[in-house]
Amino acid sequence: VTFHPGKIYMKGALGVLLKRCSHINLNGRKIKLNSKKREEIFAAQASFAERGLRVLAFAYSESSLDEMVFVGLVGMKDPVRKGVKKAISICHNAGIRVIMITGDHLGTAKAVAQEVGIKGKAIEGSKLDDFTDAEFKKVVKEYSVFARVSPHHKLRILSTLQDLGEVVAMTGDGVNDALALKKADVGVAMSIK
């Protein structure tokens, strides 16, 4: 959220941002945001995500964070680094299971996983909180893609794998990965380089 004299600007995940929007800017006109338009916006996000795009939503307001005006979506391609697909193939051939744990939208995560050769079921982080420890162990065994996860989800997935007797290597590139990287048997902190 950015505040400027007379305006509030917001960008972020569509699901969070759209809850604060009461209107939409359509062709320069501010109109009431109805359920049909909300469905169209979510469908557009899903279309972007299925193509492997990261999606950011944008809105503004002149008065309140709870009466935002939805402006639009931006889909950005975050290209897979050169050599990732080959590295995953080498891991699979060596008997190493590769799991993707990401904050990205489920559709984006599935598209990227397919692109790099990670096969298996995918699940959203919000569903992980509903599982008992026994159910969670089953999920960790069956799923290869975990999307829209929080730092505590990453840590729970990692701890569960270790409880199952697995040796776990974890990569991460942000502060939200620090706890999981520290707890992993092998932690690999990555940067732009």
Protein backbone atom coordinates (compact mmCIF):
# COMPACT_ATOMS: atom_id res chain seq x y z
CA VAL A 1 0.00 0.00 0.00
CA THR A 2 1.29 3.45 -0.94
CA PHE A 3 -0.25 6.67 0.33
CA HIS A 4 -0.08 9.89 -1.68
CA PRO A 5 -1.93 13.13 -0.95
CA GLY A 6 -5.53 12.42 -1.91
CA LYS A 7 -4.90 8.84 -3.14
CA ILE A 8 -4.16 5.36 -1.82
CA TYR A 9 -2.55 2.84 -4.18
CA MET A 10 -2.46 -0.90 -3.54
CA LYS A 11 -0.87 -3.86 -5.32
CA GLY A 12 -0.77 -7.50 -4.34
CA ALA A 13 -2.43 -10.89 -4.53
CA LEU A 14 -5.84 -10.70 -6.20
CA GLY A 15 -7.70 -12.62 -3.49
CA VAL A 16 -6.54 -10.22 -0.80
CA LEU A 17 -6.85 -7.02 -2.83
CA LEU A 18 -10.28 -7.72 -4.36
CA LYS A 19 -11.83 -8.16 -0.88
CA ARG A 20 -11.12 -4.46 -0.34
CA CYS A 21 -12.62 -3.34 -3.67
CA SER A 22 -16.15 -1.97 -3.96
CA HIS A 23 -15.76 -0.57 -7.49
CA ILE A 24 -13.93 -1.20 -10.74
CA ASN A 25 -12.46 1.25 -13.21
CA LEU A 26 -13.85 0.21 -16.62
CA ASN A 27 -12.71 2.29 -19.57
CA GLY A 28 -12.12 5.29 -17.31
CA ARG A 29 -15.50 4.97 -15.54
CA LYS A 30 -15.85 4.00 -11.87
CA ILE A 31 -18.69 1.48 -11.54
CA LYS A 32 -19.94 -0.77 -8.72
CA LEU A 33 -18.09 -4.11 -8.61
CA ASN A 34 -20.64 -6.95 -8.83
CA SER A 35 -20.26 -10.72 -8.47
CA LYS A 36 -20.22 -11.27 -12.26
CA LYS A 37 -17.28 -8.87 -12.68
CA ARG A 38 -15.49 -10.52 -9.73
CA GLU A 39 -15.86 -13.92 -11.44
CA GLU A 40 -14.50 -12.46 -14.71
CA ILE A 41 -11.49 -11.02 -12.87
CA PHE A 42 -10.72 -14.35 -11.17
CA ALA A 43 -11.11 -16.13 -14.54
CA ALA A 44 -8.59 -13.71 -16.08
CA GLN A 45 -6.17 -14.44 -13.22
CA ALA A 46 -6.60 -18.20 -13.75
CA SER A 47 -5.91 -17.77 -17.46
CA PHE A 48 -2.67 -15.90 -16.71
CA ALA A 49 -1.63 -18.46 -14.09
CA GLU A 50 -2.25 -21.43 -16.42
CA ARG A 51 0.36 -19.90 -18.74
CA GLY A 52 2.86 -19.80 -15.89
CA LEU A 53 2.55 -16.06 -15.27
CA ARG A 54 2.82 -14.45 -11.87
CA VAL A 55 -0.14 -12.16 -11.36
CA LEU A 56 -0.36 -8.89 -9.45
CA ALA A 57 -3.60 -6.97 -8.92
CA PHE A 58 -3.84 -3.17 -8.65
CA ALA A 59 -6.35 -0.79 -7.06
CA TYR A 60 -6.66 2.76 -5.80
CA SER A 61 -8.88 4.82 -3.53
CA GLU A 62 -9.39 8.44 -2.65
CA SER A 63 -10.68 7.74 0.85
CA SER A 64 -10.57 4.25 2.36
CA LEU A 65 -8.70 0.94 2.26
CA ASP A 66 -12.11 -0.77 2.28
CA GLU A 67 -13.52 1.10 -0.72
CA MET A 68 -10.79 0.50 -3.25
CA VAL A 69 -11.33 0.77 -7.01
CA PHE A 70 -9.98 -2.26 -8.90
CA VAL A 71 -7.80 -1.20 -11.84
CA GLY A 72 -6.48 -4.40 -13.34
CA LEU A 73 -4.07 -7.31 -13.39
CA VAL A 74 -0.52 -7.61 -14.60
CA GLY A 75 0.86 -11.00 -15.66
CA MET A 76 4.64 -11.32 -15.49
CA LYS A 77 6.75 -14.15 -16.81
CA ASP A 78 9.42 -15.21 -14.37
CA PRO A 79 11.44 -17.43 -16.69
CA VAL A 80 12.80 -20.70 -15.38
CA ARG A 81 16.55 -20.46 -14.99
CA LYS A 82 18.62 -22.20 -17.61
CA GLY A 83 19.56 -25.71 -16.51
CA VAL A 84 16.72 -26.22 -14.02
CA LYS A 85 14.87 -28.79 -16.13
CA LYS A 86 18.08 -30.78 -16.63
CA ALA A 87 18.96 -30.58 -12.90
CA ILE A 88 15.51 -31.91 -11.96
CA SER A 89 15.88 -34.73 -14.45
CA ILE A 90 19.28 -35.63 -12.96
CA CYS A 91 17.73 -35.63 -9.46
CA HIS A 92 14.90 -37.92 -10.60
CA ASN A 93 17.36 -40.30 -12.27
CA ALA A 94 19.36 -40.41 -9.04
CA GLY A 95 16.25 -41.32 -7.04
CA ILE A 96 15.87 -37.87 -5.47
CA ARG A 97 12.31 -36.66 -5.05
CA VAL A 98 11.86 -33.01 -6.04
CA ILE A 99 9.07 -31.00 -4.41
CA MET A 100 8.11 -27.43 -5.30
CA ILE A 101 7.03 -25.21 -2.40
CA THR A 102 6.08 -21.72 -3.55
CA GLY A 103 4.10 -18.64 -2.69
CA ASP A 104 2.82 -18.45 -6.24
CA HIS A 105 -0.78 -19.03 -7.34
CA LEU A 106 -1.72 -22.71 -7.74
CA GLY A 107 -2.17 -22.38 -11.51
CA THR A 108 1.23 -20.71 -11.91
CA ALA A 109 2.90 -23.38 -9.76
CA LYS A 110 1.33 -26.20 -11.80
CA ALA A 111 2.42 -24.63 -15.09
CA VAL A 112 6.01 -24.10 -13.90
CA ALA A 113 6.16 -27.61 -12.41
CA GLN A 114 5.06 -29.09 -15.72
CA GLU A 115 7.60 -26.96 -17.60
CA VAL A 116 10.52 -28.18 -15.45
CA GLY A 117 9.43 -31.81 -15.16
CA ILE A 118 8.00 -32.00 -11.64
CA LYS A 119 5.14 -34.46 -11.82
CA GLY A 120 2.48 -35.10 -9.23
CA LYS A 121 -0.48 -33.58 -7.46
CA ALA A 122 -0.65 -29.95 -6.37
CA ILE A 123 -2.31 -28.34 -3.35
CA GLU A 124 -2.79 -24.84 -1.95
CA GLY A 125 -1.34 -23.84 1.41
CA SER A 126 -4.71 -22.73 2.78
CA LYS A 127 -5.86 -26.36 2.71
CA LEU A 128 -2.84 -27.58 4.68
CA ASP A 129 -4.05 -26.10 7.95
CA ASP A 130 -7.06 -28.45 8.00
CA PHE A 131 -5.02 -31.67 8.16
CA THR A 132 -4.15 -33.60 11.31
CA ASP A 133 -0.51 -34.69 11.62
CA ALA A 134 -1.37 -38.17 10.29
CA GLU A 135 -3.27 -36.71 7.33
CA PHE A 136 -0.46 -34.23 6.71
CA LYS A 137 2.07 -37.07 6.44
CA LYS A 138 -0.06 -38.66 3.73
CA VAL A 139 -0.34 -35.34 1.86
CA VAL A 140 3.43 -34.79 1.99
CA LYS A 141 3.96 -38.29 0.55
CA GLU A 142 1.41 -37.81 -2.26
CA TYR A 143 1.86 -34.18 -3.39
CA SER A 144 4.78 -32.68 -5.27
CA VAL A 145 3.62 -29.07 -5.63
CA PHE A 146 2.63 -26.84 -2.71
CA ALA A 147 1.37 -23.38 -3.75
CA ARG A 148 0.45 -20.20 -1.87
CA VAL A 149 2.31 -21.45 1.18
CA SER A 150 3.41 -19.44 4.18
CA PRO A 151 6.72 -19.83 6.06
CA HIS A 152 5.05 -22.05 8.68
CA HIS A 153 3.76 -24.36 5.91
CA LYS A 154 7.30 -24.70 4.54
CA LEU A 155 8.59 -25.58 7.97
CA ARG A 156 5.79 -28.11 8.57
CA ILE A 157 6.41 -29.81 5.19
CA LEU A 158 10.14 -30.00 5.88
CA SER A 159 9.67 -31.31 9.44
CA THR A 160 7.19 -33.93 8.24
CA LEU A 161 9.60 -35.16 5.58
CA GLN A 162 12.31 -35.46 8.23
CA ASP A 163 9.89 -37.30 10.56
CA LEU A 164 9.32 -39.74 7.69
CA GLY A 165 13.07 -40.44 7.67
CA GLU A 166 13.92 -38.36 4.63
CA VAL A 167 17.12 -36.35 4.28
CA VAL A 168 15.88 -32.95 3.13
CA ALA A 169 17.68 -30.30 1.11
CA MET A 170 15.87 -26.97 0.89
CA THR A 171 16.57 -24.00 -1.36
CA GLY A 172 15.27 -20.52 -0.71
CA ASP A 173 15.85 -16.94 -1.74
CA GLY A 174 14.11 -14.83 0.85
CA VAL A 175 13.74 -13.99 4.52
CA ASN A 176 10.57 -16.11 4.66
CA ASP A 177 12.73 -19.17 3.87
CA ALA A 178 15.20 -18.65 6.75
CA LEU A 179 13.63 -21.00 9.33
CA ALA A 180 13.18 -23.84 6.84
CA LEU A 181 16.71 -23.40 5.46
CA LYS A 182 18.13 -23.58 8.98
CA LYS A 183 16.13 -26.70 9.89
CA ALA A 184 16.88 -28.55 6.63
CA ASP A 185 19.58 -31.21 6.55
CA VAL A 186 21.07 -29.20 3.67
CA GLY A 187 20.05 -25.54 3.33
CA VAL A 188 20.91 -23.68 0.16
CA ALA A 189 20.37 -19.90 0.29
CA MET A 190 20.14 -18.53 -3.22
CA SER A 191 20.38 -15.02 -4.57
CA ILE A 192 20.04 -13.39 -7.97
CA LYS A 193 23.56 -14.54 -8.81
